[in-house]
Amino acid sequence: MTIQAQINWIAGMQLVARAGQGPAIIMDDPEGRSGPSPMELVLMGVAGCTAMDVVSILRKKRSTFTALQVEISGERAADYPKRYTRIHIEFIVTGTGVKPTDVEQAVRLSMDKYCSAAASLNAAMEDSYRIIEADSMHQLDQ
């Protein structure tokens, strides 16, 4: 499968990107801030990819989750090409009676097998998760 994208320079360091016929997004550098930087989009892409996997797997397990949030951070090398050297992803799952084993398996399957965005990077990947009991706001950390 081939995916195509097009980037058009607007001004300064601002770019407009579009994949296929999809919606356009604006990218910019940290000074312009009219959109995320390309490297921020890399992190968002990994987070979005793995979030979709986890949602799909939890649904198949008939999990009682009501919300999923993914928080991601990345450490970059000091020297060019300043690639990501370490990425941490935290999955925050909210629901009543969510089974930690279901969340752990969903995260593992995503990170080890399904998330093509994460597999495309040459960085050490770490993950963790939290389950928030919706009725009592009790939190289980892993």
Protein backbone atom coordinates (compact mmCIF):
# COMPACT_ATOMS: atom_id res chain seq x y z
CA MET A 1 0.00 0.00 0.00
CA THR A 2 1.33 3.43 -0.93
CA ILE A 3 0.32 6.59 0.90
CA GLN A 4 1.00 9.91 -0.74
CA ALA A 5 1.17 13.35 0.83
CA GLN A 6 1.87 16.83 -0.42
CA ILE A 7 3.49 19.72 1.44
CA ASN A 8 3.21 23.35 0.32
CA TRP A 9 5.30 26.14 1.81
CA ILE A 10 3.24 29.21 2.77
CA ALA A 11 5.61 31.71 4.44
CA GLY A 12 8.34 31.72 7.08
CA MET A 13 8.49 28.09 8.17
CA GLN A 14 4.75 27.51 7.80
CA LEU A 15 3.70 24.55 5.65
CA VAL A 16 0.34 23.12 4.65
CA ALA A 17 0.21 19.34 4.45
CA ARG A 18 -2.38 17.03 2.97
CA ALA A 19 -2.39 13.24 2.64
CA GLY A 20 -4.33 12.09 -0.39
CA GLN A 21 -7.62 13.95 -0.59
CA GLY A 22 -7.87 14.26 3.21
CA PRO A 23 -8.11 17.48 5.20
CA ALA A 24 -5.14 19.83 5.28
CA ILE A 25 -3.12 20.62 8.39
CA ILE A 26 -0.71 23.44 9.10
CA MET A 27 2.81 22.73 10.31
CA ASP A 28 5.14 25.37 11.68
CA ASP A 29 8.32 25.75 13.68
CA PRO A 30 8.31 26.49 17.43
CA GLU A 31 8.64 30.24 16.79
CA GLY A 32 5.70 30.55 14.39
CA ARG A 33 3.40 28.24 16.38
CA SER A 34 0.57 28.32 13.83
CA GLY A 35 0.59 24.52 13.96
CA PRO A 36 2.56 21.61 15.36
CA SER A 37 6.10 21.01 14.18
CA PRO A 38 6.83 17.95 12.04
CA MET A 39 8.45 16.23 15.03
CA GLU A 40 5.41 16.96 17.20
CA LEU A 41 3.28 15.40 14.48
CA VAL A 42 5.47 12.29 14.64
CA LEU A 43 4.58 11.93 18.33
CA MET A 44 0.91 12.62 17.64
CA GLY A 45 0.96 10.04 14.87
CA VAL A 46 2.35 7.37 17.18
CA ALA A 47 -0.15 8.30 19.91
CA GLY A 48 -3.07 8.27 17.47
CA CYS A 49 -2.01 4.98 15.90
CA THR A 50 -1.71 3.16 19.20
CA ALA A 51 -4.89 4.77 20.60
CA MET A 52 -6.89 3.41 17.67
CA ASP A 53 -5.41 -0.04 18.27
CA VAL A 54 -6.18 0.02 21.99
CA VAL A 55 -9.76 1.22 21.42
CA SER A 56 -10.33 -1.49 18.83
CA ILE A 57 -8.90 -4.25 21.03
CA LEU A 58 -10.79 -3.10 24.15
CA ARG A 59 -14.04 -3.01 22.17
CA LYS A 60 -13.44 -6.56 20.95
CA LYS A 61 -12.93 -7.58 24.58
CA ARG A 62 -16.22 -5.86 25.45
CA SER A 63 -14.40 -3.69 27.96
CA THR A 64 -16.50 -1.21 29.90
CA PHE A 65 -14.18 1.73 29.24
CA THR A 66 -15.80 5.11 28.62
CA ALA A 67 -12.73 7.21 27.82
CA LEU A 68 -9.18 6.81 26.61
CA GLN A 69 -6.48 9.44 26.75
CA VAL A 70 -2.93 8.97 25.52
CA GLU A 71 -0.15 11.17 26.83
CA ILE A 72 3.12 10.93 24.94
CA SER A 73 6.53 12.52 25.38
CA GLY A 74 9.72 12.11 23.44
CA GLU A 75 13.37 12.78 24.14
CA ARG A 76 15.45 13.89 21.18
CA ALA A 77 19.15 13.54 20.49
CA ALA A 78 21.23 16.70 20.89
CA ASP A 79 22.97 16.23 17.53
CA TYR A 80 21.48 16.19 14.04
CA PRO A 81 19.30 14.63 12.84
CA LYS A 82 17.94 15.06 16.41
CA ARG A 83 15.86 11.91 16.17
CA TYR A 84 13.71 10.62 18.98
CA THR A 85 15.82 8.42 21.21
CA ARG A 86 13.20 7.62 23.84
CA ILE A 87 9.43 7.87 23.78
CA HIS A 88 7.09 7.35 26.72
CA ILE A 89 3.41 6.69 26.17
CA GLU A 90 0.87 6.64 28.99
CA PHE A 91 -2.61 5.27 28.38
CA ILE A 92 -5.29 6.61 30.71
CA VAL A 93 -8.40 4.44 30.56
CA THR A 94 -11.58 5.50 32.34
CA GLY A 95 -14.54 3.26 33.00
CA THR A 96 -16.27 1.09 35.55
CA GLY A 97 -14.86 -2.38 36.08
CA VAL A 98 -12.15 -2.09 33.43
CA LYS A 99 -9.89 -5.13 33.72
CA PRO A 100 -6.18 -4.31 34.01
CA THR A 101 -5.35 -7.49 32.09
CA ASP A 102 -7.47 -6.30 29.15
CA VAL A 103 -5.73 -2.91 29.08
CA GLU A 104 -2.30 -4.46 29.45
CA GLN A 105 -2.95 -6.92 26.62
CA ALA A 106 -4.36 -4.18 24.37
CA VAL A 107 -1.32 -1.97 24.97
CA ARG A 108 1.11 -4.86 24.40
CA LEU A 109 -0.58 -5.94 21.16
CA SER A 110 -0.57 -2.38 19.87
CA MET A 111 3.04 -1.66 20.76
CA ASP A 112 4.46 -5.06 19.76
CA LYS A 113 2.33 -6.01 16.77
CA TYR A 114 -0.13 -3.48 15.33
CA CYS A 115 1.07 0.12 15.62
CA SER A 116 2.89 0.76 12.37
CA ALA A 117 3.78 4.32 13.38
CA ALA A 118 5.68 3.13 16.46
CA ALA A 119 7.31 0.33 14.49
CA SER A 120 8.56 2.89 11.97
CA LEU A 121 10.67 4.71 14.56
CA ASN A 122 14.15 3.90 15.78
CA ALA A 123 13.59 4.84 19.42
CA ALA A 124 13.29 2.97 22.67
CA MET A 125 9.58 2.76 23.45
CA GLU A 126 8.16 2.70 26.98
CA ASP A 127 4.54 2.60 27.99
CA SER A 128 2.37 2.63 31.07
CA TYR A 129 -1.31 2.87 31.78
CA ARG A 130 -3.80 4.09 34.37
CA ILE A 131 -7.39 2.99 34.82
CA ILE A 132 -9.77 5.44 36.43
CA GLU A 133 -12.89 3.94 37.94
CA ALA A 134 -15.64 6.19 36.65
CA ASP A 135 -17.99 5.75 39.60
CA SER A 136 -15.46 6.39 42.35
CA MET A 137 -12.62 8.09 40.43
CA HIS A 138 -10.38 5.42 41.99
CA GLN A 139 -7.16 5.14 40.05
CA LEU A 140 -5.14 1.99 39.35
CA ASP A 141 -1.58 2.60 38.12
CA GLN A 142 0.57 0.11 36.25
